[in-house]
Amino acid sequence: MASPSNINTSSPTEKYPCPMEFNVLDFVPKLLSERDYEKWKILMEDFIKKQGLIGFIDDTAKEDIDNQDYYKAWKRSDDLVQGWILATLAEDIRLLALGLETAKALWTALEKKFDPTSSLRQYDEEKENRVTRYLPLHKAVVKGDWDEAMAIIQQDPAAVRAAITPHSHTALHVAIQIGGRTHFVRKLLEKMTPHDVEHLVDHTRKTALHRAAICGTIEEVEMLVNKSSTTLAINTFYWRMRKLSFLFCMLLQLTDGEHYDIALTLLERKPELARGERPPLDILVKKGSSFPSGNSFNFWHNLIYLG
C-alpha cells in the first residue's frame, strides 16, 4: 500500500490554477523597448507569483504527461501565463514568441533579448564548470608533469585547446607564462594544429605567440612560428596588416633586447618588416656596444682589435 506522502491529493485544478478573472494590463505596463524591460519584468513576475503560477516561468511547474487530466490543467495554466505575457508586449516584440511553445521558453527569450545579466550569469556558470573540469590539466601544467597531462589529453583530446583558467588561457598559454616549460610547450604543440596556434586566444585576445613574445623564450617563439602555417602569411589584407603590425613590434623588441639571431630569422622570413616607420636599423645604430667598432677602446684594445 502506498504511503500518503506518495499520493498526489491535489486535484488538477488545485495543482495548476487558472485565474482568468484578472486583466494583466491593470497591473503590468506594456513592454515597448529594452528601456522598459527591468520595470516590466519586476511587475510581471510579481503578478504571476500572486496568481500562484510562478512555477511556469521559473521552470518548477513541470508538465505531467503521464496523466491526461493533469497535463490538460498544466497546459491551460501555461497558456494563460503565455497570454498574460503576450498581452503586455509591443507588436514588434511579439515576434520573439514565434515558435515558442511554453511560458518558460517565452520568458527566457525575453531575458536573452533584454537582460544582459542573464547571458553573463549563464557564461559565468559555463566558465566555472569548464575551469573545474580542466583543473587537473591546469595542475599538471603548473607542476610540469607531462605524463599526467598526456593521460588527460588522451582521454579528452579537446583538452589541448580548451580554456582551462578563468581568463581563458589554454594549457599552452599557461606553460609559456609559467616559464621553464619549453619541453612541455614542445609536447603540447605536437598535439595541436597550426589553426589552434593562430586562433586560440585568452581574455585579452592574445595568442600563445603573443605571450611567448612577451614572457617566453626565444626557442618557444621559434617553435610557435614554425608550427603556424599561416601566421606569417595571412590571406586577407586586414589580418595581414594586423599580424605584420604585431610582428614589427616584436622585431623591434627583439632588436632592442639584442636577440639578433631570432630578429634576423624573422627578417629573413618577412623582409618587409625592415621597411617600417621605425626600422630596426634605427635601434641598431644606438647599439654601438653590441659591435666591436662601436666600442671606445683604450690603446691596447685598439691595438688588438685594429691590429
C-alpha atoms as a PDB file:
ATOM      1  CA  MET A   1       0.000   0.000   0.000  1.00  0.00           C
ATOM      2  CA  ALA A   2       1.396   3.379  -0.983  1.00  0.00           C
ATOM      3  CA  SER A   3       2.218   5.806   1.797  1.00  0.00           C
ATOM      4  CA  PRO A   4       0.180   9.023   1.995  1.00  0.00           C
ATOM      5  CA  SER A   5       3.293  11.086   1.117  1.00  0.00           C
ATOM      6  CA  ASN A   6       3.440   9.402  -2.283  1.00  0.00           C
ATOM      7  CA  ILE A   7      -0.165  10.147  -3.158  1.00  0.00           C
ATOM      8  CA  ASN A   8      -0.996  13.374  -5.005  1.00  0.00           C
ATOM      9  CA  THR A   9      -4.015  14.591  -3.044  1.00  0.00           C
ATOM     10  CA  SER A  10      -4.481  17.820  -5.031  1.00  0.00           C
ATOM     11  CA  SER A  11      -6.824  17.896  -7.991  1.00  0.00           C
ATOM     12  CA  PRO A  12      -5.552  19.043 -11.398  1.00  0.00           C
ATOM     13  CA  THR A  13      -7.133  22.490 -10.983  1.00  0.00           C
ATOM     14  CA  GLU A  14      -5.724  22.845  -7.468  1.00  0.00           C
ATOM     15  CA  LYS A  15      -2.250  21.936  -8.621  1.00  0.00           C
ATOM     16  CA  TYR A  16      -2.453  24.139 -11.728  1.00  0.00           C
ATOM     17  CA  PRO A  17      -4.844  27.050 -11.042  1.00  0.00           C
ATOM     18  CA  CYS A  18      -6.219  29.142 -13.886  1.00  0.00           C
ATOM     19  CA  PRO A  19      -7.331  32.566 -12.568  1.00  0.00           C
ATOM     20  CA  MET A  20      -8.833  34.166 -15.668  1.00  0.00           C
ATOM     21  CA  GLU A  21     -10.698  36.991 -13.926  1.00  0.00           C
ATOM     22  CA  PHE A  22      -7.766  39.414 -13.969  1.00  0.00           C
ATOM     23  CA  ASN A  23      -6.767  41.839 -16.713  1.00  0.00           C
ATOM     24  CA  VAL A  24      -2.985  41.767 -16.681  1.00  0.00           C
ATOM     25  CA  LEU A  25      -2.768  45.271 -18.177  1.00  0.00           C
ATOM     26  CA  ASP A  26      -4.308  46.643 -14.980  1.00  0.00           C
ATOM     27  CA  PHE A  27      -1.178  45.504 -13.158  1.00  0.00           C
ATOM     28  CA  VAL A  28       1.640  45.418 -15.720  1.00  0.00           C
ATOM     29  CA  PRO A  29       2.507  48.143 -18.275  1.00  0.00           C
ATOM     30  CA  LYS A  30       3.318  47.381 -21.900  1.00  0.00           C
ATOM     31  CA  LEU A  31       6.855  46.316 -22.726  1.00  0.00           C
ATOM     32  CA  LEU A  32       7.728  48.682 -25.555  1.00  0.00           C
ATOM     33  CA  SER A  33      11.531  48.572 -25.607  1.00  0.00           C
ATOM     34  CA  GLU A  34      14.667  47.465 -23.781  1.00  0.00           C
ATOM     35  CA  ARG A  35      14.450  50.594 -21.642  1.00  0.00           C
ATOM     36  CA  ASP A  36      11.173  49.360 -20.097  1.00  0.00           C
ATOM     37  CA  TYR A  37      12.280  45.783 -19.532  1.00  0.00           C
ATOM     38  CA  GLU A  38      13.554  45.912 -15.935  1.00  0.00           C
ATOM     39  CA  LYS A  39      10.365  47.523 -14.596  1.00  0.00           C
ATOM     40  CA  TRP A  40       8.187  45.255 -16.752  1.00  0.00           C
ATOM     41  CA  LYS A  41       9.978  42.138 -15.507  1.00  0.00           C
ATOM     42  CA  ILE A  42       9.551  43.034 -11.829  1.00  0.00           C
ATOM     43  CA  LEU A  43       5.838  43.800 -12.188  1.00  0.00           C
ATOM     44  CA  MET A  44       5.079  40.805 -14.419  1.00  0.00           C
ATOM     45  CA  GLU A  45       6.963  38.418 -12.146  1.00  0.00           C
ATOM     46  CA  ASP A  46       5.103  39.794  -9.131  1.00  0.00           C
ATOM     47  CA  PHE A  47       1.730  39.474 -10.882  1.00  0.00           C
ATOM     48  CA  ILE A  48       2.356  35.860 -11.946  1.00  0.00           C
ATOM     49  CA  LYS A  49       3.597  34.973  -8.460  1.00  0.00           C
ATOM     50  CA  LYS A  50       0.475  36.380  -6.807  1.00  0.00           C
ATOM     51  CA  GLN A  51      -1.684  34.203  -9.064  1.00  0.00           C
ATOM     52  CA  GLY A  52       0.186  31.122  -7.829  1.00  0.00           C
ATOM     53  CA  LEU A  53       1.750  30.431 -11.231  1.00  0.00           C
ATOM     54  CA  ILE A  54       5.389  31.444 -10.746  1.00  0.00           C
ATOM     55  CA  GLY A  55       6.419  27.860 -11.494  1.00  0.00           C
ATOM     56  CA  PHE A  56       5.525  28.401 -15.139  1.00  0.00           C
ATOM     57  CA  ILE A  57       8.363  30.898 -15.610  1.00  0.00           C
ATOM     58  CA  ASP A  58      10.942  29.530 -13.158  1.00  0.00           C
ATOM     59  CA  ASP A  59      10.501  26.020 -14.565  1.00  0.00           C
ATOM     60  CA  THR A  60       9.336  24.403 -11.309  1.00  0.00           C
ATOM     61  CA  ALA A  61       5.852  23.624 -12.649  1.00  0.00           C
ATOM     62  CA  LYS A  62       6.741  20.597 -14.742  1.00  0.00           C
ATOM     63  CA  GLU A  63       4.245  19.251 -17.238  1.00  0.00           C
ATOM     64  CA  ASP A  64       2.696  15.941 -16.211  1.00  0.00           C
ATOM     65  CA  ILE A  65       2.438  13.991 -19.451  1.00  0.00           C
ATOM     66  CA  ASP A  66       1.671  10.695 -17.709  1.00  0.00           C
ATOM     67  CA  ASN A  67      -1.745  11.851 -16.529  1.00  0.00           C
ATOM     68  CA  GLN A  68      -4.052  13.337 -19.150  1.00  0.00           C
ATOM     69  CA  ASP A  69      -6.136  15.350 -16.669  1.00  0.00           C
ATOM     70  CA  TYR A  70      -3.095  16.889 -15.016  1.00  0.00           C
ATOM     71  CA  TYR A  71      -1.481  17.603 -18.381  1.00  0.00           C
ATOM     72  CA  LYS A  72      -4.614  19.422 -19.602  1.00  0.00           C
ATOM     73  CA  ALA A  73      -4.674  21.516 -16.424  1.00  0.00           C
ATOM     74  CA  TRP A  74      -0.946  22.272 -16.775  1.00  0.00           C
ATOM     75  CA  LYS A  75      -1.369  23.234 -20.422  1.00  0.00           C
ATOM     76  CA  ARG A  76      -4.308  25.518 -19.661  1.00  0.00           C
ATOM     77  CA  SER A  77      -2.348  27.348 -16.945  1.00  0.00           C
ATOM     78  CA  ASP A  78       0.741  27.594 -19.157  1.00  0.00           C
ATOM     79  CA  ASP A  79      -1.336  29.040 -22.000  1.00  0.00           C
ATOM     80  CA  LEU A  80      -2.790  31.566 -19.557  1.00  0.00           C
ATOM     81  CA  VAL A  81       0.662  32.748 -18.435  1.00  0.00           C
ATOM     82  CA  GLN A  82       1.785  32.966 -22.058  1.00  0.00           C
ATOM     83  CA  GLY A  83      -1.321  35.019 -22.804  1.00  0.00           C
ATOM     84  CA  TRP A  84      -0.546  37.427 -19.978  1.00  0.00           C
ATOM     85  CA  ILE A  85       2.996  37.935 -21.223  1.00  0.00           C
ATOM     86  CA  LEU A  86       1.935  38.361 -24.856  1.00  0.00           C
ATOM     87  CA  ALA A  87      -0.788  40.847 -23.902  1.00  0.00           C
ATOM     88  CA  THR A  88       1.854  43.180 -22.481  1.00  0.00           C
ATOM     89  CA  LEU A  89       4.290  43.001 -25.395  1.00  0.00           C
ATOM     90  CA  ALA A  90       4.532  45.610 -28.125  1.00  0.00           C
ATOM     91  CA  GLU A  91       3.705  44.294 -31.579  1.00  0.00           C
ATOM     92  CA  ASP A  92       7.293  44.060 -32.824  1.00  0.00           C
ATOM     93  CA  ILE A  93       8.468  42.331 -29.635  1.00  0.00           C
ATOM     94  CA  ARG A  94       5.756  39.682 -30.009  1.00  0.00           C
ATOM     95  CA  LEU A  95       7.720  38.302 -32.939  1.00  0.00           C
ATOM     96  CA  LEU A  96      10.024  36.726 -30.354  1.00  0.00           C
ATOM     97  CA  ALA A  97       7.168  34.382 -29.434  1.00  0.00           C
ATOM     98  CA  LEU A  98       7.074  32.736 -32.848  1.00  0.00           C
ATOM     99  CA  GLY A  99       7.736  29.028 -32.490  1.00  0.00           C
ATOM    100  CA  LEU A 100       7.870  29.103 -28.675  1.00  0.00           C
ATOM    101  CA  GLU A 101       5.561  26.599 -27.020  1.00  0.00           C
ATOM    102  CA  THR A 102       5.738  27.368 -23.299  1.00  0.00           C
ATOM    103  CA  ALA A 103       5.618  30.369 -20.975  1.00  0.00           C
ATOM    104  CA  LYS A 104       9.094  29.468 -19.705  1.00  0.00           C
ATOM    105  CA  ALA A 105      10.505  29.484 -23.251  1.00  0.00           C
ATOM    106  CA  LEU A 106       8.953  32.909 -23.885  1.00  0.00           C
ATOM    107  CA  TRP A 107      10.242  34.273 -20.571  1.00  0.00           C
ATOM    108  CA  THR A 108      13.751  33.017 -21.349  1.00  0.00           C
ATOM    109  CA  ALA A 109      13.673  34.517 -24.864  1.00  0.00           C
ATOM    110  CA  LEU A 110      12.809  37.931 -23.404  1.00  0.00           C
ATOM    111  CA  GLU A 111      15.613  37.615 -20.839  1.00  0.00           C
ATOM    112  CA  LYS A 112      18.148  36.823 -23.542  1.00  0.00           C
ATOM    113  CA  LYS A 113      16.920  39.735 -25.635  1.00  0.00           C
ATOM    114  CA  PHE A 114      16.696  42.426 -22.968  1.00  0.00           C
ATOM    115  CA  ASP A 115      18.598  41.326 -19.839  1.00  0.00           C
ATOM    116  CA  PRO A 116      22.404  41.344 -20.339  1.00  0.00           C
ATOM    117  CA  THR A 117      22.981  39.919 -16.856  1.00  0.00           C
ATOM    118  CA  SER A 118      21.130  36.758 -17.875  1.00  0.00           C
ATOM    119  CA  SER A 119      23.685  35.812 -20.523  1.00  0.00           C
ATOM    120  CA  LEU A 120      26.512  36.847 -18.181  1.00  0.00           C
ATOM    121  CA  ARG A 121      25.188  34.552 -15.464  1.00  0.00           C
ATOM    122  CA  GLN A 122      24.993  31.705 -17.952  1.00  0.00           C
ATOM    123  CA  TYR A 123      28.500  32.470 -19.215  1.00  0.00           C
ATOM    124  CA  ASP A 124      29.908  32.566 -15.668  1.00  0.00           C
ATOM    125  CA  GLU A 125      28.337  29.203 -14.886  1.00  0.00           C
ATOM    126  CA  GLU A 126      29.707  27.645 -18.070  1.00  0.00           C
ATOM    127  CA  LYS A 127      33.151  29.120 -17.388  1.00  0.00           C
ATOM    128  CA  GLU A 128      33.153  27.814 -13.814  1.00  0.00           C
ATOM    129  CA  ASN A 129      32.187  24.332 -14.990  1.00  0.00           C
ATOM    130  CA  ARG A 130      34.908  24.383 -17.652  1.00  0.00           C
ATOM    131  CA  VAL A 131      37.605  25.564 -15.235  1.00  0.00           C
ATOM    132  CA  THR A 132      36.601  22.861 -12.743  1.00  0.00           C
ATOM    133  CA  ARG A 133      36.620  20.211 -15.451  1.00  0.00           C
ATOM    134  CA  TYR A 134      40.142  21.079 -16.577  1.00  0.00           C
ATOM    135  CA  LEU A 135      41.635  21.765 -13.139  1.00  0.00           C
ATOM    136  CA  PRO A 136      43.685  18.512 -13.212  1.00  0.00           C
ATOM    137  CA  LEU A 137      45.249  19.595 -16.521  1.00  0.00           C
ATOM    138  CA  HIS A 138      45.976  23.055 -15.127  1.00  0.00           C
ATOM    139  CA  LYS A 139      47.733  21.474 -12.138  1.00  0.00           C
ATOM    140  CA  ALA A 140      49.730  19.183 -14.418  1.00  0.00           C
ATOM    141  CA  VAL A 141      50.963  22.182 -16.441  1.00  0.00           C
ATOM    142  CA  VAL A 142      51.940  24.089 -13.300  1.00  0.00           C
ATOM    143  CA  LYS A 143      53.855  21.052 -11.991  1.00  0.00           C
ATOM    144  CA  GLY A 144      55.403  20.416 -15.400  1.00  0.00           C
ATOM    145  CA  ASP A 145      54.127  16.837 -15.290  1.00  0.00           C
ATOM    146  CA  TRP A 146      53.789  15.920 -18.967  1.00  0.00           C
ATOM    147  CA  ASP A 147      52.868  12.285 -18.281  1.00  0.00           C
ATOM    148  CA  GLU A 148      49.852  13.373 -16.249  1.00  0.00           C
ATOM    149  CA  ALA A 149      48.881  15.982 -18.848  1.00  0.00           C
ATOM    150  CA  MET A 150      49.260  13.443 -21.639  1.00  0.00           C
ATOM    151  CA  ALA A 151      46.943  10.996 -19.850  1.00  0.00           C
ATOM    152  CA  ILE A 152      44.279  13.718 -19.562  1.00  0.00           C
ATOM    153  CA  ILE A 153      44.635  14.739 -23.220  1.00  0.00           C
ATOM    154  CA  GLN A 154      44.425  11.131 -24.393  1.00  0.00           C
ATOM    155  CA  GLN A 155      41.136  10.749 -22.527  1.00  0.00           C
ATOM    156  CA  ASP A 156      39.850  14.125 -23.722  1.00  0.00           C
ATOM    157  CA  PRO A 157      41.610  15.304 -26.932  1.00  0.00           C
ATOM    158  CA  ALA A 158      39.704  18.618 -26.811  1.00  0.00           C
ATOM    159  CA  ALA A 159      41.549  19.477 -23.585  1.00  0.00           C
ATOM    160  CA  VAL A 160      44.631  20.557 -25.529  1.00  0.00           C
ATOM    161  CA  ARG A 161      42.726  23.512 -26.982  1.00  0.00           C
ATOM    162  CA  ALA A 162      40.337  24.176 -24.094  1.00  0.00           C
ATOM    163  CA  ALA A 163      40.343  27.338 -21.984  1.00  0.00           C
ATOM    164  CA  ILE A 164      41.442  25.947 -18.619  1.00  0.00           C
ATOM    165  CA  THR A 165      41.610  29.128 -16.499  1.00  0.00           C
ATOM    166  CA  PRO A 166      39.076  31.861 -15.617  1.00  0.00           C
ATOM    167  CA  HIS A 167      40.979  34.131 -18.029  1.00  0.00           C
ATOM    168  CA  SER A 168      40.549  31.707 -20.944  1.00  0.00           C
ATOM    169  CA  HIS A 169      44.176  30.615 -21.023  1.00  0.00           C
ATOM    170  CA  THR A 170      44.871  27.320 -22.753  1.00  0.00           C
ATOM    171  CA  ALA A 171      47.424  24.849 -21.426  1.00  0.00           C
ATOM    172  CA  LEU A 172      49.853  26.348 -23.965  1.00  0.00           C
ATOM    173  CA  HIS A 173      49.314  29.877 -22.615  1.00  0.00           C
ATOM    174  CA  VAL A 174      49.864  28.655 -19.049  1.00  0.00           C
ATOM    175  CA  ALA A 175      53.014  26.683 -19.888  1.00  0.00           C
ATOM    176  CA  ILE A 176      54.569  29.718 -21.602  1.00  0.00           C
ATOM    177  CA  GLN A 177      53.645  32.162 -18.823  1.00  0.00           C
ATOM    178  CA  ILE A 178      54.996  29.968 -16.014  1.00  0.00           C
ATOM    179  CA  GLY A 179      58.404  29.687 -17.655  1.00  0.00           C
ATOM    180  CA  GLY A 180      60.807  26.790 -17.646  1.00  0.00           C
ATOM    181  CA  ARG A 181      58.322  24.633 -19.547  1.00  0.00           C
ATOM    182  CA  THR A 182      59.916  24.567 -23.004  1.00  0.00           C
ATOM    183  CA  HIS A 183      59.730  20.764 -23.172  1.00  0.00           C
ATOM    184  CA  PHE A 184      56.077  20.951 -22.134  1.00  0.00           C
ATOM    185  CA  VAL A 185      55.380  23.573 -24.820  1.00  0.00           C
ATOM    186  CA  ARG A 186      57.013  21.363 -27.453  1.00  0.00           C
ATOM    187  CA  LYS A 187      54.878  18.372 -26.446  1.00  0.00           C
ATOM    188  CA  LEU A 188      51.677  20.434 -26.462  1.00  0.00           C
ATOM    189  CA  LEU A 189      52.450  21.763 -29.941  1.00  0.00           C
ATOM    190  CA  GLU A 190      52.782  18.193 -31.198  1.00  0.00           C
ATOM    191  CA  LYS A 191      49.133  17.699 -30.212  1.00  0.00           C
ATOM    192  CA  MET A 192      47.922  20.964 -31.763  1.00  0.00           C
ATOM    193  CA  THR A 193      47.205  22.168 -35.276  1.00  0.00           C
ATOM    194  CA  PRO A 194      48.504  25.363 -36.924  1.00  0.00           C
ATOM    195  CA  HIS A 195      44.936  26.681 -36.688  1.00  0.00           C
ATOM    196  CA  ASP A 196      44.998  26.162 -32.904  1.00  0.00           C
ATOM    197  CA  VAL A 197      48.236  28.108 -32.559  1.00  0.00           C
ATOM    198  CA  GLU A 198      46.934  31.020 -34.620  1.00  0.00           C
ATOM    199  CA  HIS A 199      43.370  31.322 -33.325  1.00  0.00           C
ATOM    200  CA  LEU A 200      43.213  30.230 -29.670  1.00  0.00           C
ATOM    201  CA  VAL A 201      43.234  33.440 -27.623  1.00  0.00           C
ATOM    202  CA  ASP A 202      42.856  34.387 -23.970  1.00  0.00           C
ATOM    203  CA  HIS A 203      40.524  37.000 -22.455  1.00  0.00           C
ATOM    204  CA  THR A 204      42.705  39.819 -23.822  1.00  0.00           C
ATOM    205  CA  ARG A 205      42.666  38.309 -27.342  1.00  0.00           C
ATOM    206  CA  LYS A 206      46.325  37.307 -27.094  1.00  0.00           C
ATOM    207  CA  THR A 207      47.536  34.106 -28.734  1.00  0.00           C
ATOM    208  CA  ALA A 208      50.249  31.894 -27.291  1.00  0.00           C
ATOM    209  CA  LEU A 209      52.671  33.590 -29.705  1.00  0.00           C
ATOM    210  CA  HIS A 210      51.812  36.968 -28.191  1.00  0.00           C
ATOM    211  CA  ARG A 211      52.531  35.543 -24.745  1.00  0.00           C
ATOM    212  CA  ALA A 212      55.784  33.948 -25.877  1.00  0.00           C
ATOM    213  CA  ALA A 213      56.960  37.249 -27.374  1.00  0.00           C
ATOM    214  CA  ILE A 214      56.314  38.951 -24.033  1.00  0.00           C
ATOM    215  CA  CYS A 215      57.497  36.392 -21.489  1.00  0.00           C
ATOM    216  CA  GLY A 216      58.578  33.239 -23.307  1.00  0.00           C
ATOM    217  CA  THR A 217      61.947  32.043 -24.519  1.00  0.00           C
ATOM    218  CA  ILE A 218      63.382  32.516 -27.986  1.00  0.00           C
ATOM    219  CA  GLU A 219      63.119  28.763 -28.516  1.00  0.00           C
ATOM    220  CA  GLU A 220      59.402  28.855 -27.684  1.00  0.00           C
ATOM    221  CA  VAL A 221      58.825  31.735 -30.099  1.00  0.00           C
ATOM    222  CA  GLU A 222      60.627  29.798 -32.840  1.00  0.00           C
ATOM    223  CA  MET A 223      58.557  26.678 -32.155  1.00  0.00           C
ATOM    224  CA  LEU A 224      55.307  28.638 -32.359  1.00  0.00           C
ATOM    225  CA  VAL A 225      56.328  30.424 -35.560  1.00  0.00           C
ATOM    226  CA  ASN A 226      57.392  27.144 -37.160  1.00  0.00           C
ATOM    227  CA  LYS A 227      54.180  25.403 -36.096  1.00  0.00           C
ATOM    228  CA  SER A 228      51.974  28.076 -37.625  1.00  0.00           C
ATOM    229  CA  SER A 229      51.358  27.564 -41.320  1.00  0.00           C
ATOM    230  CA  THR A 230      49.848  30.974 -41.917  1.00  0.00           C
ATOM    231  CA  THR A 231      50.998  33.123 -39.024  1.00  0.00           C
ATOM    232  CA  LEU A 232      53.450  34.806 -41.368  1.00  0.00           C
ATOM    233  CA  ALA A 233      51.277  34.677 -44.478  1.00  0.00           C
ATOM    234  CA  ILE A 234      47.750  35.834 -43.613  1.00  0.00           C
ATOM    235  CA  ASN A 235      45.369  35.589 -46.580  1.00  0.00           C
ATOM    236  CA  THR A 236      43.262  38.692 -46.083  1.00  0.00           C
ATOM    237  CA  PHE A 237      44.688  42.200 -46.098  1.00  0.00           C
ATOM    238  CA  TYR A 238      43.165  43.130 -42.747  1.00  0.00           C
ATOM    239  CA  TRP A 239      44.592  40.199 -40.869  1.00  0.00           C
ATOM    240  CA  ARG A 240      47.859  40.525 -42.770  1.00  0.00           C
ATOM    241  CA  MET A 241      48.326  44.122 -41.654  1.00  0.00           C
ATOM    242  CA  ARG A 242      47.297  43.345 -38.098  1.00  0.00           C
ATOM    243  CA  LYS A 243      49.717  40.437 -37.880  1.00  0.00           C
ATOM    244  CA  LEU A 244      52.510  42.422 -39.538  1.00  0.00           C
ATOM    245  CA  SER A 245      51.976  45.180 -37.001  1.00  0.00           C
ATOM    246  CA  PHE A 246      52.450  42.670 -34.196  1.00  0.00           C
ATOM    247  CA  LEU A 247      55.490  41.093 -35.846  1.00  0.00           C
ATOM    248  CA  PHE A 248      57.018  44.514 -36.424  1.00  0.00           C
ATOM    249  CA  CYS A 249      56.639  45.370 -32.728  1.00  0.00           C
ATOM    250  CA  MET A 250      58.148  42.007 -31.843  1.00  0.00           C
ATOM    251  CA  LEU A 251      61.074  42.650 -34.209  1.00  0.00           C
ATOM    252  CA  LEU A 252      61.791  45.994 -32.529  1.00  0.00           C
ATOM    253  CA  GLN A 253      61.654  44.378 -29.081  1.00  0.00           C
ATOM    254  CA  LEU A 254      63.980  41.590 -30.175  1.00  0.00           C
ATOM    255  CA  THR A 255      66.415  44.080 -31.678  1.00  0.00           C
ATOM    256  CA  ASP A 256      66.298  46.324 -28.625  1.00  0.00           C
ATOM    257  CA  GLY A 257      66.872  43.285 -26.422  1.00  0.00           C
ATOM    258  CA  GLU A 258      69.854  42.314 -28.613  1.00  0.00           C
ATOM    259  CA  HIS A 259      68.316  38.983 -29.625  1.00  0.00           C
ATOM    260  CA  TYR A 260      69.777  39.432 -33.083  1.00  0.00           C
ATOM    261  CA  ASP A 261      69.591  35.771 -34.134  1.00  0.00           C
ATOM    262  CA  ILE A 262      65.803  35.482 -33.857  1.00  0.00           C
ATOM    263  CA  ALA A 263      65.360  39.028 -35.200  1.00  0.00           C
ATOM    264  CA  LEU A 264      67.380  38.039 -38.273  1.00  0.00           C
ATOM    265  CA  THR A 265      65.286  34.876 -38.708  1.00  0.00           C
ATOM    266  CA  LEU A 266      62.140  36.990 -38.603  1.00  0.00           C
ATOM    267  CA  LEU A 267      63.560  39.435 -41.147  1.00  0.00           C
ATOM    268  CA  GLU A 268      64.583  36.626 -43.480  1.00  0.00           C
ATOM    269  CA  ARG A 269      61.000  35.365 -43.458  1.00  0.00           C
ATOM    270  CA  LYS A 270      59.432  38.813 -43.687  1.00  0.00           C
ATOM    271  CA  PRO A 271      61.878  41.266 -45.311  1.00  0.00           C
ATOM    272  CA  GLU A 272      59.186  43.977 -45.462  1.00  0.00           C
ATOM    273  CA  LEU A 273      59.457  44.357 -41.682  1.00  0.00           C
ATOM    274  CA  ALA A 274      62.738  46.215 -42.270  1.00  0.00           C
ATOM    275  CA  ARG A 275      60.832  48.997 -44.029  1.00  0.00           C
ATOM    276  CA  GLY A 276      58.540  50.099 -41.198  1.00  0.00           C
ATOM    277  CA  GLU A 277      58.066  53.644 -39.943  1.00  0.00           C
ATOM    278  CA  ARG A 278      60.770  52.966 -37.375  1.00  0.00           C
ATOM    279  CA  PRO A 279      63.149  50.467 -38.996  1.00  0.00           C
ATOM    280  CA  PRO A 280      65.198  48.250 -36.675  1.00  0.00           C
ATOM    281  CA  LEU A 281      68.305  49.892 -38.152  1.00  0.00           C
ATOM    282  CA  ASP A 282      67.438  52.990 -36.091  1.00  0.00           C
ATOM    283  CA  ILE A 283      67.780  50.878 -32.959  1.00  0.00           C
ATOM    284  CA  LEU A 284      70.968  49.196 -34.171  1.00  0.00           C
ATOM    285  CA  VAL A 285      72.815  52.492 -34.674  1.00  0.00           C
ATOM    286  CA  LYS A 286      72.262  53.226 -30.978  1.00  0.00           C
ATOM    287  CA  LYS A 287      73.612  49.820 -30.001  1.00  0.00           C
ATOM    288  CA  GLY A 288      77.272  50.602 -30.556  1.00  0.00           C
ATOM    289  CA  SER A 289      78.282  48.426 -27.629  1.00  0.00           C
ATOM    290  CA  SER A 290      76.973  45.383 -29.483  1.00  0.00           C
ATOM    291  CA  PHE A 291      79.656  45.726 -32.159  1.00  0.00           C
ATOM    292  CA  PRO A 292      83.421  45.943 -31.707  1.00  0.00           C
ATOM    293  CA  SER A 293      83.711  49.009 -33.941  1.00  0.00           C
ATOM    294  CA  GLY A 294      81.278  50.880 -31.761  1.00  0.00           C
ATOM    295  CA  ASN A 295      83.219  50.497 -28.530  1.00  0.00           C
ATOM    296  CA  SER A 296      85.517  53.136 -27.104  1.00  0.00           C
ATOM    297  CA  PHE A 297      88.684  51.088 -26.684  1.00  0.00           C
ATOM    298  CA  ASN A 298      91.860  52.077 -24.931  1.00  0.00           C
ATOM    299  CA  PHE A 299      95.258  51.882 -26.645  1.00  0.00           C
ATOM    300  CA  TRP A 300      95.789  48.179 -26.026  1.00  0.00           C
ATOM    301  CA  HIS A 301      92.235  47.181 -27.096  1.00  0.00           C
ATOM    302  CA  ASN A 302      92.640  49.219 -30.280  1.00  0.00           C
ATOM    303  CA  LEU A 303      95.965  47.568 -30.942  1.00  0.00           C
ATOM    304  CA  ILE A 304      94.390  44.102 -30.585  1.00  0.00           C
ATOM    305  CA  TYR A 305      91.203  44.910 -32.490  1.00  0.00           C
ATOM    306  CA  LEU A 306      92.613  47.142 -35.252  1.00  0.00           C
ATOM    307  CA  GLY A 307      95.966  45.466 -35.481  1.00  0.00           C
END
